[in-house]
Amino acid sequence: YFHVPLEYQHRTLFWGILGALVLRGAMIGAGAALIHRFSWTIYVFG
């Protein structure tokens, strides 16, 4: 869509994945806390 040249795609994905790791870490922490606190959360996830 953005016509990104091939030589710039790897570096863009690098920073994209670095940000994804941070965001997913926060989401996993929140999810684990919810399941530990409220057992019915597992049904919501399902």
ModelCIF file with pLDDT and N, C-alpha, C, O atoms, coordinates in Angstrom:
data_MODEL
#
_entry.id   MODEL 
#
_entity.id                         1 
_entity.type                       polymer 
_entity.pdbx_number_of_molecules   1 
#
_entity_poly.entity_id                      1 
_entity_poly.type                           'polypeptide(L)' 
_entity_poly.nstd_linkage                   no 
_entity_poly.nstd_monomer                   no 
_entity_poly.pdbx_seq_one_letter_code       YFHVPLEYQHRTLFWGILGALVLRGAMIGAGAALIHRFSWTIYVFG 
_entity_poly.pdbx_seq_one_letter_code_can   YFHVPLEYQHRTLFWGILGALVLRGAMIGAGAALIHRFSWTIYVFG 
_entity_poly.pdbx_strand_id                 A 
#
loop_
_entity_poly_seq.entity_id 
_entity_poly_seq.num 
_entity_poly_seq.mon_id 
_entity_poly_seq.hetero 
1 1  TYR n 
1 2  PHE n 
1 3  HIS n 
1 4  VAL n 
1 5  PRO n 
1 6  LEU n 
1 7  GLU n 
1 8  TYR n 
1 9  GLN n 
1 10 HIS n 
1 11 ARG n 
1 12 THR n 
1 13 LEU n 
1 14 PHE n 
1 15 TRP n 
1 16 GLY n 
1 17 ILE n 
1 18 LEU n 
1 19 GLY n 
1 20 ALA n 
1 21 LEU n 
1 22 VAL n 
1 23 LEU n 
1 24 ARG n 
1 25 GLY n 
1 26 ALA n 
1 27 MET n 
1 28 ILE n 
1 29 GLY n 
1 30 ALA n 
1 31 GLY n 
1 32 ALA n 
1 33 ALA n 
1 34 LEU n 
1 35 ILE n 
1 36 HIS n 
1 37 ARG n 
1 38 PHE n 
1 39 SER n 
1 40 TRP n 
1 41 THR n 
1 42 ILE n 
1 43 TYR n 
1 44 VAL n 
1 45 PHE n 
1 46 GLY n 
#
_struct_asym.id          A 
_struct_asym.entity_id   1 
#
loop_
_ma_qa_metric.id 
_ma_qa_metric.mode 
_ma_qa_metric.name 
_ma_qa_metric.software_group_id 
_ma_qa_metric.type 
1 global pLDDT . pLDDT 
2 local  pLDDT . pLDDT 
#
_ma_qa_metric_global.metric_id      1 
_ma_qa_metric_global.metric_value   85.11 
_ma_qa_metric_global.model_id       1 
_ma_qa_metric_global.ordinal_id     1 
#
loop_
_ma_qa_metric_local.label_asym_id 
_ma_qa_metric_local.label_comp_id 
_ma_qa_metric_local.label_seq_id 
_ma_qa_metric_local.metric_id 
_ma_qa_metric_local.metric_value 
_ma_qa_metric_local.model_id 
_ma_qa_metric_local.ordinal_id 
A TYR 1  2 85.00 1 1  
A PHE 2  2 88.00 1 2  
A HIS 3  2 88.00 1 3  
A VAL 4  2 89.00 1 4  
A PRO 5  2 88.00 1 5  
A LEU 6  2 85.00 1 6  
A GLU 7  2 85.00 1 7  
A TYR 8  2 88.00 1 8  
A GLN 9  2 88.00 1 9  
A HIS 10 2 83.00 1 10 
A ARG 11 2 83.00 1 11 
A THR 12 2 88.00 1 12 
A LEU 13 2 87.00 1 13 
A PHE 14 2 85.00 1 14 
A TRP 15 2 87.00 1 15 
A GLY 16 2 86.00 1 16 
A ILE 17 2 83.00 1 17 
A LEU 18 2 85.00 1 18 
A GLY 19 2 85.00 1 19 
A ALA 20 2 83.00 1 20 
A LEU 21 2 85.00 1 21 
A VAL 22 2 86.00 1 22 
A LEU 23 2 86.00 1 23 
A ARG 24 2 85.00 1 24 
A GLY 25 2 86.00 1 25 
A ALA 26 2 87.00 1 26 
A MET 27 2 86.00 1 27 
A ILE 28 2 86.00 1 28 
A GLY 29 2 85.00 1 29 
A ALA 30 2 86.00 1 30 
A GLY 31 2 84.00 1 31 
A ALA 32 2 82.00 1 32 
A ALA 33 2 84.00 1 33 
A LEU 34 2 85.00 1 34 
A ILE 35 2 82.00 1 35 
A HIS 36 2 77.00 1 36 
A ARG 37 2 82.00 1 37 
A PHE 38 2 80.00 1 38 
A SER 39 2 80.00 1 39 
A TRP 40 2 82.00 1 40 
A THR 41 2 86.00 1 41 
A ILE 42 2 85.00 1 42 
A TYR 43 2 88.00 1 43 
A VAL 44 2 88.00 1 44 
A PHE 45 2 86.00 1 45 
A GLY 46 2 87.00 1 46 
#
loop_
_atom_site.group_PDB 
_atom_site.id 
_atom_site.type_symbol 
_atom_site.label_atom_id 
_atom_site.label_alt_id 
_atom_site.label_comp_id 
_atom_site.label_asym_id 
_atom_site.label_entity_id 
_atom_site.label_seq_id 
_atom_site.pdbx_PDB_ins_code 
_atom_site.Cartn_x 
_atom_site.Cartn_y 
_atom_site.Cartn_z 
_atom_site.occupancy 
_atom_site.B_iso_or_equiv 
_atom_site.pdbx_formal_charge 
_atom_site.auth_seq_id 
_atom_site.auth_comp_id 
_atom_site.auth_asym_id 
_atom_site.auth_atom_id 
_atom_site.pdbx_PDB_model_num 
ATOM 1   N N  . TYR A 1 1  ? 0.835   -1.208  0.000  1.00 85.00 ? 1  TYR A N  1 
ATOM 2   C CA . TYR A 1 1  ? 0.000   0.000   0.000  1.00 85.00 ? 1  TYR A CA 1 
ATOM 3   C C  . TYR A 1 1  ? 0.870   1.258   0.000  1.00 85.00 ? 1  TYR A C  1 
ATOM 4   O O  . TYR A 1 1  ? 0.593   2.215   -0.724 1.00 85.00 ? 1  TYR A O  1 
ATOM 5   N N  . PHE A 1 2  ? 1.932   1.246   0.826  1.00 88.00 ? 2  PHE A N  1 
ATOM 6   C CA . PHE A 1 2  ? 2.803   2.422   0.938  1.00 88.00 ? 2  PHE A CA 1 
ATOM 7   C C  . PHE A 1 2  ? 3.989   2.363   -0.028 1.00 88.00 ? 2  PHE A C  1 
ATOM 8   O O  . PHE A 1 2  ? 4.810   3.280   -0.056 1.00 88.00 ? 2  PHE A O  1 
ATOM 9   N N  . HIS A 1 3  ? 4.082   1.296   -0.813 1.00 88.00 ? 3  HIS A N  1 
ATOM 10  C CA . HIS A 1 3  ? 5.179   1.131   -1.771 1.00 88.00 ? 3  HIS A CA 1 
ATOM 11  C C  . HIS A 1 3  ? 6.545   1.242   -1.088 1.00 88.00 ? 3  HIS A C  1 
ATOM 12  O O  . HIS A 1 3  ? 7.421   1.988   -1.526 1.00 88.00 ? 3  HIS A O  1 
ATOM 13  N N  . VAL A 1 4  ? 6.698   0.487   -0.013 1.00 89.00 ? 4  VAL A N  1 
ATOM 14  C CA . VAL A 1 4  ? 7.949   0.525   0.752  1.00 89.00 ? 4  VAL A CA 1 
ATOM 15  C C  . VAL A 1 4  ? 9.030   -0.241  -0.007 1.00 89.00 ? 4  VAL A C  1 
ATOM 16  O O  . VAL A 1 4  ? 8.834   -1.414  -0.323 1.00 89.00 ? 4  VAL A O  1 
ATOM 17  N N  . PRO A 1 5  ? 10.161  0.389   -0.305 1.00 88.00 ? 5  PRO A N  1 
ATOM 18  C CA . PRO A 1 5  ? 11.256  -0.320  -0.986 1.00 88.00 ? 5  PRO A CA 1 
ATOM 19  C C  . PRO A 1 5  ? 11.726  -1.536  -0.175 1.00 88.00 ? 5  PRO A C  1 
ATOM 20  O O  . PRO A 1 5  ? 11.701  -1.510  1.055  1.00 88.00 ? 5  PRO A O  1 
ATOM 21  N N  . LEU A 1 6  ? 12.146  -2.582  -0.854 1.00 85.00 ? 6  LEU A N  1 
ATOM 22  C CA . LEU A 1 6  ? 12.541  -3.826  -0.198 1.00 85.00 ? 6  LEU A CA 1 
ATOM 23  C C  . LEU A 1 6  ? 13.663  -3.619  0.811  1.00 85.00 ? 6  LEU A C  1 
ATOM 24  O O  . LEU A 1 6  ? 13.682  -4.266  1.858  1.00 85.00 ? 6  LEU A O  1 
ATOM 25  N N  . GLU A 1 7  ? 14.601  -2.722  0.506  1.00 85.00 ? 7  GLU A N  1 
ATOM 26  C CA . GLU A 1 7  ? 15.753  -2.550  1.391  1.00 85.00 ? 7  GLU A CA 1 
ATOM 27  C C  . GLU A 1 7  ? 15.398  -1.897  2.725  1.00 85.00 ? 7  GLU A C  1 
ATOM 28  O O  . GLU A 1 7  ? 16.203  -1.934  3.656  1.00 85.00 ? 7  GLU A O  1 
ATOM 29  N N  . TYR A 1 8  ? 14.206  -1.298  2.836  1.00 88.00 ? 8  TYR A N  1 
ATOM 30  C CA . TYR A 1 8  ? 13.810  -0.648  4.081  1.00 88.00 ? 8  TYR A CA 1 
ATOM 31  C C  . TYR A 1 8  ? 12.824  -1.487  4.897  1.00 88.00 ? 8  TYR A C  1 
ATOM 32  O O  . TYR A 1 8  ? 12.492  -1.124  6.025  1.00 88.00 ? 8  TYR A O  1 
ATOM 33  N N  . GLN A 1 9  ? 12.365  -2.580  4.349  1.00 88.00 ? 9  GLN A N  1 
ATOM 34  C CA . GLN A 1 9  ? 11.333  -3.360  5.024  1.00 88.00 ? 9  GLN A CA 1 
ATOM 35  C C  . GLN A 1 9  ? 11.853  -4.077  6.271  1.00 88.00 ? 9  GLN A C  1 
ATOM 36  O O  . GLN A 1 9  ? 11.144  -4.147  7.275  1.00 88.00 ? 9  GLN A O  1 
ATOM 37  N N  . HIS A 1 10 ? 13.062  -4.605  6.226  1.00 83.00 ? 10 HIS A N  1 
ATOM 38  C CA . HIS A 1 10 ? 13.589  -5.353  7.369  1.00 83.00 ? 10 HIS A CA 1 
ATOM 39  C C  . HIS A 1 10 ? 13.732  -4.465  8.601  1.00 83.00 ? 10 HIS A C  1 
ATOM 40  O O  . HIS A 1 10 ? 13.324  -4.842  9.699  1.00 83.00 ? 10 HIS A O  1 
ATOM 41  N N  . ARG A 1 11 ? 14.313  -3.282  8.409  1.00 83.00 ? 11 ARG A N  1 
ATOM 42  C CA . ARG A 1 11 ? 14.504  -2.371  9.550  1.00 83.00 ? 11 ARG A CA 1 
ATOM 43  C C  . ARG A 1 11 ? 13.160  -1.916  10.122 1.00 83.00 ? 11 ARG A C  1 
ATOM 44  O O  . ARG A 1 11 ? 13.015  -1.777  11.336 1.00 83.00 ? 11 ARG A O  1 
ATOM 45  N N  . THR A 1 12 ? 12.193  -1.687  9.260  1.00 88.00 ? 12 THR A N  1 
ATOM 46  C CA . THR A 1 12 ? 10.863  -1.290  9.732  1.00 88.00 ? 12 THR A CA 1 
ATOM 47  C C  . THR A 1 12 ? 10.234  -2.392  10.570 1.00 88.00 ? 12 THR A C  1 
ATOM 48  O O  . THR A 1 12 ? 9.663   -2.122  11.627 1.00 88.00 ? 12 THR A O  1 
ATOM 49  N N  . LEU A 1 13 ? 10.336  -3.639  10.100 1.00 87.00 ? 13 LEU A N  1 
ATOM 50  C CA . LEU A 1 13 ? 9.806   -4.762  10.859 1.00 87.00 ? 13 LEU A CA 1 
ATOM 51  C C  . LEU A 1 13 ? 10.554  -4.959  12.171 1.00 87.00 ? 13 LEU A C  1 
ATOM 52  O O  . LEU A 1 13 ? 9.965   -5.384  13.165 1.00 87.00 ? 13 LEU A O  1 
ATOM 53  N N  . PHE A 1 14 ? 11.854  -4.652  12.181 1.00 85.00 ? 14 PHE A N  1 
ATOM 54  C CA . PHE A 1 14 ? 12.622  -4.773  13.418 1.00 85.00 ? 14 PHE A CA 1 
ATOM 55  C C  . PHE A 1 14 ? 12.020  -3.906  14.519 1.00 85.00 ? 14 PHE A C  1 
ATOM 56  O O  . PHE A 1 14 ? 11.757  -4.385  15.623 1.00 85.00 ? 14 PHE A O  1 
ATOM 57  N N  . TRP A 1 15 ? 11.806  -2.633  14.214 1.00 87.00 ? 15 TRP A N  1 
ATOM 58  C CA . TRP A 1 15 ? 11.249  -1.724  15.225 1.00 87.00 ? 15 TRP A CA 1 
ATOM 59  C C  . TRP A 1 15 ? 9.787   -2.046  15.504 1.00 87.00 ? 15 TRP A C  1 
ATOM 60  O O  . TRP A 1 15 ? 9.307   -1.858  16.622 1.00 87.00 ? 15 TRP A O  1 
ATOM 61  N N  . GLY A 1 16 ? 9.085   -2.529  14.494 1.00 86.00 ? 16 GLY A N  1 
ATOM 62  C CA . GLY A 1 16 ? 7.699   -2.929  14.714 1.00 86.00 ? 16 GLY A CA 1 
ATOM 63  C C  . GLY A 1 16 ? 7.605   -4.091  15.685 1.00 86.00 ? 16 GLY A C  1 
ATOM 64  O O  . GLY A 1 16 ? 6.730   -4.111  16.551 1.00 86.00 ? 16 GLY A O  1 
ATOM 65  N N  . ILE A 1 17 ? 8.501   -5.058  15.547 1.00 83.00 ? 17 ILE A N  1 
ATOM 66  C CA . ILE A 1 17 ? 8.481   -6.224  16.428 1.00 83.00 ? 17 ILE A CA 1 
ATOM 67  C C  . ILE A 1 17 ? 8.975   -5.861  17.817 1.00 83.00 ? 17 ILE A C  1 
ATOM 68  O O  . ILE A 1 17 ? 8.489   -6.410  18.805 1.00 83.00 ? 17 ILE A O  1 
ATOM 69  N N  . LEU A 1 18 ? 9.933   -4.945  17.911 1.00 85.00 ? 18 LEU A N  1 
ATOM 70  C CA . LEU A 1 18 ? 10.393  -4.502  19.232 1.00 85.00 ? 18 LEU A CA 1 
ATOM 71  C C  . LEU A 1 18 ? 9.241   -3.858  19.998 1.00 85.00 ? 18 LEU A C  1 
ATOM 72  O O  . LEU A 1 18 ? 9.059   -4.121  21.187 1.00 85.00 ? 18 LEU A O  1 
ATOM 73  N N  . GLY A 1 19 ? 8.466   -3.018  19.320 1.00 85.00 ? 19 GLY A N  1 
ATOM 74  C CA . GLY A 1 19 ? 7.300   -2.417  19.961 1.00 85.00 ? 19 GLY A CA 1 
ATOM 75  C C  . GLY A 1 19 ? 6.255   -3.456  20.308 1.00 85.00 ? 19 GLY A C  1 
ATOM 76  O O  . GLY A 1 19 ? 5.598   -3.369  21.345 1.00 85.00 ? 19 GLY A O  1 
ATOM 77  N N  . ALA A 1 20 ? 6.103   -4.454  19.423 1.00 83.00 ? 20 ALA A N  1 
ATOM 78  C CA . ALA A 1 20 ? 5.118   -5.516  19.670 1.00 83.00 ? 20 ALA A CA 1 
ATOM 79  C C  . ALA A 1 20 ? 5.481   -6.319  20.915 1.00 83.00 ? 20 ALA A C  1 
ATOM 80  O O  . ALA A 1 20 ? 4.596   -6.722  21.671 1.00 83.00 ? 20 ALA A O  1 
ATOM 81  N N  . LEU A 1 21 ? 6.764   -6.554  21.134 1.00 85.00 ? 21 LEU A N  1 
ATOM 82  C CA . LEU A 1 21 ? 7.190   -7.306  22.320 1.00 85.00 ? 21 LEU A CA 1 
ATOM 83  C C  . LEU A 1 21 ? 6.821   -6.565  23.607 1.00 85.00 ? 21 LEU A C  1 
ATOM 84  O O  . LEU A 1 21 ? 6.378   -7.174  24.581 1.00 85.00 ? 21 LEU A O  1 
ATOM 85  N N  . VAL A 1 22 ? 7.008   -5.253  23.597 1.00 86.00 ? 22 VAL A N  1 
ATOM 86  C CA . VAL A 1 22 ? 6.669   -4.450  24.779 1.00 86.00 ? 22 VAL A CA 1 
ATOM 87  C C  . VAL A 1 22 ? 5.159   -4.483  25.021 1.00 86.00 ? 22 VAL A C  1 
ATOM 88  O O  . VAL A 1 22 ? 4.708   -4.707  26.144 1.00 86.00 ? 22 VAL A O  1 
ATOM 89  N N  . LEU A 1 23 ? 4.385   -4.260  23.962 1.00 86.00 ? 23 LEU A N  1 
ATOM 90  C CA . LEU A 1 23 ? 2.928   -4.241  24.102 1.00 86.00 ? 23 LEU A CA 1 
ATOM 91  C C  . LEU A 1 23 ? 2.386   -5.605  24.521 1.00 86.00 ? 23 LEU A C  1 
ATOM 92  O O  . LEU A 1 23 ? 1.495   -5.688  25.366 1.00 86.00 ? 23 LEU A O  1 
ATOM 93  N N  . ARG A 1 24 ? 2.920   -6.667  23.935 1.00 85.00 ? 24 ARG A N  1 
ATOM 94  C CA . ARG A 1 24 ? 2.445   -8.005  24.281 1.00 85.00 ? 24 ARG A CA 1 
ATOM 95  C C  . ARG A 1 24 ? 2.829   -8.380  25.706 1.00 85.00 ? 24 ARG A C  1 
ATOM 96  O O  . ARG A 1 24 ? 2.078   -9.065  26.400 1.00 85.00 ? 24 ARG A O  1 
ATOM 97  N N  . GLY A 1 25 ? 4.008   -7.924  26.139 1.00 86.00 ? 25 GLY A N  1 
ATOM 98  C CA . GLY A 1 25 ? 4.403   -8.178  27.527 1.00 86.00 ? 25 GLY A CA 1 
ATOM 99  C C  . GLY A 1 25 ? 3.404   -7.572  28.493 1.00 86.00 ? 25 GLY A C  1 
ATOM 100 O O  . GLY A 1 25 ? 3.021   -8.199  29.481 1.00 86.00 ? 25 GLY A O  1 
ATOM 101 N N  . ALA A 1 26 ? 2.981   -6.342  28.201 1.00 87.00 ? 26 ALA A N  1 
ATOM 102 C CA . ALA A 1 26 ? 1.996   -5.677  29.058 1.00 87.00 ? 26 ALA A CA 1 
ATOM 103 C C  . ALA A 1 26 ? 0.648   -6.398  29.006 1.00 87.00 ? 26 ALA A C  1 
ATOM 104 O O  . ALA A 1 26 ? -0.021  -6.535  30.030 1.00 87.00 ? 26 ALA A O  1 
ATOM 105 N N  . MET A 1 27 ? 0.247   -6.859  27.814 1.00 86.00 ? 27 MET A N  1 
ATOM 106 C CA . MET A 1 27 ? -1.033  -7.545  27.677 1.00 86.00 ? 27 MET A CA 1 
ATOM 107 C C  . MET A 1 27 ? -1.018  -8.909  28.370 1.00 86.00 ? 27 MET A C  1 
ATOM 108 O O  . MET A 1 27 ? -2.019  -9.326  28.952 1.00 86.00 ? 27 MET A O  1 
ATOM 109 N N  . ILE A 1 28 ? 0.113   -9.595  28.305 1.00 86.00 ? 28 ILE A N  1 
ATOM 110 C CA . ILE A 1 28 ? 0.232   -10.891 28.981 1.00 86.00 ? 28 ILE A CA 1 
ATOM 111 C C  . ILE A 1 28 ? 0.162   -10.709 30.494 1.00 86.00 ? 28 ILE A C  1 
ATOM 112 O O  . ILE A 1 28 ? -0.490  -11.485 31.192 1.00 86.00 ? 28 ILE A O  1 
ATOM 113 N N  . GLY A 1 29 ? 0.842   -9.672  30.995 1.00 85.00 ? 29 GLY A N  1 
ATOM 114 C CA . GLY A 1 29 ? 0.783   -9.393  32.431 1.00 85.00 ? 29 GLY A CA 1 
ATOM 115 C C  . GLY A 1 29 ? -0.634  -9.091  32.887 1.00 85.00 ? 29 GLY A C  1 
ATOM 116 O O  . GLY A 1 29 ? -1.078  -9.562  33.934 1.00 85.00 ? 29 GLY A O  1 
ATOM 117 N N  . ALA A 1 30 ? -1.339  -8.295  32.086 1.00 86.00 ? 30 ALA A N  1 
ATOM 118 C CA . ALA A 1 30 ? -2.726  -7.962  32.426 1.00 86.00 ? 30 ALA A CA 1 
ATOM 119 C C  . ALA A 1 30 ? -3.623  -9.195  32.355 1.00 86.00 ? 30 ALA A C  1 
ATOM 120 O O  . ALA A 1 30 ? -4.472  -9.402  33.221 1.00 86.00 ? 30 ALA A O  1 
ATOM 121 N N  . GLY A 1 31 ? -3.431  -10.009 31.322 1.00 84.00 ? 31 GLY A N  1 
ATOM 122 C CA . GLY A 1 31 ? -4.238  -11.219 31.173 1.00 84.00 ? 31 GLY A CA 1 
ATOM 123 C C  . GLY A 1 31 ? -4.015  -12.208 32.299 1.00 84.00 ? 31 GLY A C  1 
ATOM 124 O O  . GLY A 1 31 ? -4.966  -12.798 32.812 1.00 84.00 ? 31 GLY A O  1 
ATOM 125 N N  . ALA A 1 32 ? -2.751  -12.391 32.686 1.00 82.00 ? 32 ALA A N  1 
ATOM 126 C CA . ALA A 1 32 ? -2.431  -13.312 33.782 1.00 82.00 ? 32 ALA A CA 1 
ATOM 127 C C  . ALA A 1 32 ? -3.050  -12.830 35.090 1.00 82.00 ? 32 ALA A C  1 
ATOM 128 O O  . ALA A 1 32 ? -3.569  -13.625 35.874 1.00 82.00 ? 32 ALA A O  1 
ATOM 129 N N  . ALA A 1 33 ? -2.990  -11.514 35.316 1.00 84.00 ? 33 ALA A N  1 
ATOM 130 C CA . ALA A 1 33 ? -3.565  -10.961 36.543 1.00 84.00 ? 33 ALA A CA 1 
ATOM 131 C C  . ALA A 1 33 ? -5.081  -11.134 36.570 1.00 84.00 ? 33 ALA A C  1 
ATOM 132 O O  . ALA A 1 33 ? -5.654  -11.437 37.616 1.00 84.00 ? 33 ALA A O  1 
ATOM 133 N N  . LEU A 1 34 ? -5.727  -10.942 35.429 1.00 85.00 ? 34 LEU A N  1 
ATOM 134 C CA . LEU A 1 34 ? -7.185  -11.105 35.362 1.00 85.00 ? 34 LEU A CA 1 
ATOM 135 C C  . LEU A 1 34 ? -7.608  -12.543 35.619 1.00 85.00 ? 34 LEU A C  1 
ATOM 136 O O  . LEU A 1 34 ? -8.558  -12.790 36.362 1.00 85.00 ? 34 LEU A O  1 
ATOM 137 N N  . ILE A 1 35 ? -6.899  -13.498 35.004 1.00 82.00 ? 35 ILE A N  1 
ATOM 138 C CA . ILE A 1 35 ? -7.250  -14.905 35.192 1.00 82.00 ? 35 ILE A CA 1 
ATOM 139 C C  . ILE A 1 35 ? -7.008  -15.336 36.635 1.00 82.00 ? 35 ILE A C  1 
ATOM 140 O O  . ILE A 1 35 ? -7.772  -16.122 37.194 1.00 82.00 ? 35 ILE A O  1 
ATOM 141 N N  . HIS A 1 36 ? -5.925  -14.808 37.237 1.00 77.00 ? 36 HIS A N  1 
ATOM 142 C CA . HIS A 1 36 ? -5.627  -15.150 38.632 1.00 77.00 ? 36 HIS A CA 1 
ATOM 143 C C  . HIS A 1 36 ? -6.670  -14.570 39.580 1.00 77.00 ? 36 HIS A C  1 
ATOM 144 O O  . HIS A 1 36 ? -7.049  -15.200 40.567 1.00 77.00 ? 36 HIS A O  1 
ATOM 145 N N  . ARG A 1 37 ? -7.127  -13.360 39.264 1.00 82.00 ? 37 ARG A N  1 
ATOM 146 C CA . ARG A 1 37 ? -8.086  -12.675 40.149 1.00 82.00 ? 37 ARG A CA 1 
ATOM 147 C C  . ARG A 1 37 ? -9.519  -13.141 39.887 1.00 82.00 ? 37 ARG A C  1 
ATOM 148 O O  . ARG A 1 37 ? -10.292 -13.351 40.822 1.00 82.00 ? 37 ARG A O  1 
ATOM 149 N N  . PHE A 1 38 ? -9.861  -13.300 38.618 1.00 80.00 ? 38 PHE A N  1 
ATOM 150 C CA . PHE A 1 38 ? -11.229 -13.681 38.250 1.00 80.00 ? 38 PHE A CA 1 
ATOM 151 C C  . PHE A 1 38 ? -11.164 -14.920 37.366 1.00 80.00 ? 38 PHE A C  1 
ATOM 152 O O  . PHE A 1 38 ? -10.832 -14.814 36.186 1.00 80.00 ? 38 PHE A O  1 
ATOM 153 N N  . SER A 1 39 ? -11.467 -16.069 37.902 1.00 80.00 ? 39 SER A N  1 
ATOM 154 C CA . SER A 1 39 ? -11.347 -17.329 37.158 1.00 80.00 ? 39 SER A CA 1 
ATOM 155 C C  . SER A 1 39 ? -12.267 -17.376 35.945 1.00 80.00 ? 39 SER A C  1 
ATOM 156 O O  . SER A 1 39 ? -11.979 -18.076 34.974 1.00 80.00 ? 39 SER A O  1 
ATOM 157 N N  . TRP A 1 40 ? -13.392 -16.621 35.994 1.00 82.00 ? 40 TRP A N  1 
ATOM 158 C CA . TRP A 1 40 ? -14.324 -16.633 34.871 1.00 82.00 ? 40 TRP A CA 1 
ATOM 159 C C  . TRP A 1 40 ? -13.768 -15.921 33.643 1.00 82.00 ? 40 TRP A C  1 
ATOM 160 O O  . TRP A 1 40 ? -14.361 -15.994 32.566 1.00 82.00 ? 40 TRP A O  1 
ATOM 161 N N  . THR A 1 41 ? -12.634 -15.230 33.790 1.00 86.00 ? 41 THR A N  1 
ATOM 162 C CA . THR A 1 41 ? -12.034 -14.550 32.640 1.00 86.00 ? 41 THR A CA 1 
ATOM 163 C C  . THR A 1 41 ? -11.680 -15.531 31.535 1.00 86.00 ? 41 THR A C  1 
ATOM 164 O O  . THR A 1 41 ? -11.689 -15.175 30.357 1.00 86.00 ? 41 THR A O  1 
ATOM 165 N N  . ILE A 1 42 ? -11.366 -16.774 31.914 1.00 85.00 ? 42 ILE A N  1 
ATOM 166 C CA . ILE A 1 42 ? -10.994 -17.781 30.926 1.00 85.00 ? 42 ILE A CA 1 
ATOM 167 C C  . ILE A 1 42 ? -12.149 -18.039 29.958 1.00 85.00 ? 42 ILE A C  1 
ATOM 168 O O  . ILE A 1 42 ? -11.929 -18.338 28.785 1.00 85.00 ? 42 ILE A O  1 
ATOM 169 N N  . TYR A 1 43 ? -13.402 -17.919 30.468 1.00 88.00 ? 43 TYR A N  1 
ATOM 170 C CA . TYR A 1 43 ? -14.572 -18.106 29.598 1.00 88.00 ? 43 TYR A CA 1 
ATOM 171 C C  . TYR A 1 43 ? -14.733 -16.912 28.649 1.00 88.00 ? 43 TYR A C  1 
ATOM 172 O O  . TYR A 1 43 ? -15.164 -17.069 27.507 1.00 88.00 ? 43 TYR A O  1 
ATOM 173 N N  . VAL A 1 44 ? -14.386 -15.737 29.133 1.00 88.00 ? 44 VAL A N  1 
ATOM 174 C CA . VAL A 1 44 ? -14.435 -14.544 28.277 1.00 88.00 ? 44 VAL A CA 1 
ATOM 175 C C  . VAL A 1 44 ? -13.440 -14.689 27.129 1.00 88.00 ? 44 VAL A C  1 
ATOM 176 O O  . VAL A 1 44 ? -13.749 -14.383 25.978 1.00 88.00 ? 44 VAL A O  1 
ATOM 177 N N  . PHE A 1 45 ? -12.236 -15.163 27.466 1.00 86.00 ? 45 PHE A N  1 
ATOM 178 C CA . PHE A 1 45 ? -11.216 -15.379 26.439 1.00 86.00 ? 45 PHE A CA 1 
ATOM 179 C C  . PHE A 1 45 ? -11.683 -16.427 25.433 1.00 86.00 ? 45 PHE A C  1 
ATOM 180 O O  . PHE A 1 45 ? -11.461 -16.281 24.231 1.00 86.00 ? 45 PHE A O  1 
ATOM 181 N N  . GLY A 1 46 ? -12.329 -17.484 25.928 1.00 87.00 ? 46 GLY A N  1 
ATOM 182 C CA . GLY A 1 46 ? -12.823 -18.525 25.036 1.00 87.00 ? 46 GLY A CA 1 
ATOM 183 C C  . GLY A 1 46 ? -13.851 -17.997 24.056 1.00 87.00 ? 46 GLY A C  1 
ATOM 184 O O  . GLY A 1 46 ? -14.366 -18.754 23.233 1.00 87.00 ? 46 GLY A O  1 
#
